[in-house]
Amino acid sequence: MKAHSLSREEVIEKVMLAKQAIKSFIPIELIANSVAFLAADENTTITGIALPVEGGWTAQ
């Protein structure tokens, strides 16, 4: 950040979220909801699945 004279906001926008389709970090509540969904008794037949919760990162 200092070496490139960038502000904290610029680092987040131009570096950390540059390739992110959704230009924001994933809220912890969304991750918790995904975990709760998989842990629910109604979903015991869901096995061996990848459930990306990554804000569109794999869409690149």
C-alpha atoms as a PDB file:
ATOM      1  CA  MET A   1       0.000   0.000   0.000  1.00  0.00           C
ATOM      2  CA  LYS A   2       2.714   2.449   0.975  1.00  0.00           C
ATOM      3  CA  ALA A   3       5.010   1.406  -1.889  1.00  0.00           C
ATOM      4  CA  HIS A   4       2.300   2.243  -4.433  1.00  0.00           C
ATOM      5  CA  SER A   5       0.868   5.254  -2.575  1.00  0.00           C
ATOM      6  CA  LEU A   6      -2.590   3.700  -2.367  1.00  0.00           C
ATOM      7  CA  SER A   7      -5.222   4.258   0.276  1.00  0.00           C
ATOM      8  CA  ARG A   8      -6.869   1.387   2.114  1.00  0.00           C
ATOM      9  CA  GLU A   9      -9.992   1.836  -0.019  1.00  0.00           C
ATOM     10  CA  GLU A  10      -7.960   1.788  -3.240  1.00  0.00           C
ATOM     11  CA  VAL A  11      -6.223  -1.451  -2.232  1.00  0.00           C
ATOM     12  CA  ILE A  12      -9.575  -3.078  -1.500  1.00  0.00           C
ATOM     13  CA  GLU A  13     -11.126  -1.864  -4.768  1.00  0.00           C
ATOM     14  CA  LYS A  14      -8.183  -2.128  -7.187  1.00  0.00           C
ATOM     15  CA  VAL A  15      -6.366  -5.160  -5.763  1.00  0.00           C
ATOM     16  CA  MET A  16      -8.470  -7.334  -3.492  1.00  0.00           C
ATOM     17  CA  LEU A  17     -11.788  -7.005  -5.353  1.00  0.00           C
ATOM     18  CA  ALA A  18     -10.413  -6.413  -8.866  1.00  0.00           C
ATOM     19  CA  LYS A  19     -11.420  -9.847 -10.195  1.00  0.00           C
ATOM     20  CA  GLN A  20     -14.459 -10.258  -7.956  1.00  0.00           C
ATOM     21  CA  ALA A  21     -17.716 -10.198  -9.953  1.00  0.00           C
ATOM     22  CA  ILE A  22     -19.598  -8.798  -6.966  1.00  0.00           C
ATOM     23  CA  LYS A  23     -17.525  -5.839  -5.806  1.00  0.00           C
ATOM     24  CA  SER A  24     -17.843  -6.503  -2.084  1.00  0.00           C
ATOM     25  CA  PHE A  25     -16.685  -8.996   0.489  1.00  0.00           C
ATOM     26  CA  ILE A  26     -18.984 -11.878   1.340  1.00  0.00           C
ATOM     27  CA  PRO A  27     -20.777 -11.135   4.624  1.00  0.00           C
ATOM     28  CA  ILE A  28     -20.161 -13.685   7.382  1.00  0.00           C
ATOM     29  CA  GLU A  29     -23.943 -14.100   7.708  1.00  0.00           C
ATOM     30  CA  LEU A  30     -24.119 -15.416   4.132  1.00  0.00           C
ATOM     31  CA  ILE A  31     -21.428 -17.987   4.843  1.00  0.00           C
ATOM     32  CA  ALA A  32     -23.190 -18.974   8.075  1.00  0.00           C
ATOM     33  CA  ASN A  33     -26.489 -19.366   6.189  1.00  0.00           C
ATOM     34  CA  SER A  34     -24.796 -21.658   3.674  1.00  0.00           C
ATOM     35  CA  VAL A  35     -23.371 -23.798   6.470  1.00  0.00           C
ATOM     36  CA  ALA A  36     -26.749 -23.912   8.221  1.00  0.00           C
ATOM     37  CA  PHE A  37     -28.396 -24.990   4.956  1.00  0.00           C
ATOM     38  CA  LEU A  38     -25.981 -27.896   4.518  1.00  0.00           C
ATOM     39  CA  ALA A  39     -26.252 -28.889   8.180  1.00  0.00           C
ATOM     40  CA  ALA A  40     -30.073 -28.977   8.212  1.00  0.00           C
ATOM     41  CA  ASP A  41     -31.741 -32.373   8.623  1.00  0.00           C
ATOM     42  CA  GLU A  42     -33.713 -31.784   5.407  1.00  0.00           C
ATOM     43  CA  ASN A  43     -30.470 -31.822   3.445  1.00  0.00           C
ATOM     44  CA  THR A  44     -28.919 -35.074   4.658  1.00  0.00           C
ATOM     45  CA  THR A  45     -28.986 -36.451   1.121  1.00  0.00           C
ATOM     46  CA  ILE A  46     -26.669 -33.718  -0.129  1.00  0.00           C
ATOM     47  CA  THR A  47     -23.244 -35.345  -0.144  1.00  0.00           C
ATOM     48  CA  GLY A  48     -20.021 -34.794  -2.031  1.00  0.00           C
ATOM     49  CA  ILE A  49     -20.981 -31.388  -3.369  1.00  0.00           C
ATOM     50  CA  ALA A  50     -18.973 -28.247  -3.884  1.00  0.00           C
ATOM     51  CA  LEU A  51     -21.006 -25.211  -2.920  1.00  0.00           C
ATOM     52  CA  PRO A  52     -19.053 -22.130  -3.976  1.00  0.00           C
ATOM     53  CA  VAL A  53     -19.780 -19.103  -1.826  1.00  0.00           C
ATOM     54  CA  GLU A  54     -17.243 -16.839  -3.426  1.00  0.00           C
ATOM     55  CA  GLY A  55     -18.961 -13.786  -4.857  1.00  0.00           C
ATOM     56  CA  GLY A  56     -18.595 -14.764  -8.482  1.00  0.00           C
ATOM     57  CA  TRP A  57     -14.841 -15.397  -8.382  1.00  0.00           C
ATOM     58  CA  THR A  58     -15.133 -18.583 -10.482  1.00  0.00           C
ATOM     59  CA  ALA A  59     -17.111 -16.701 -13.151  1.00  0.00           C
ATOM     60  CA  GLN A  60     -13.935 -15.124 -14.560  1.00  0.00           C
END
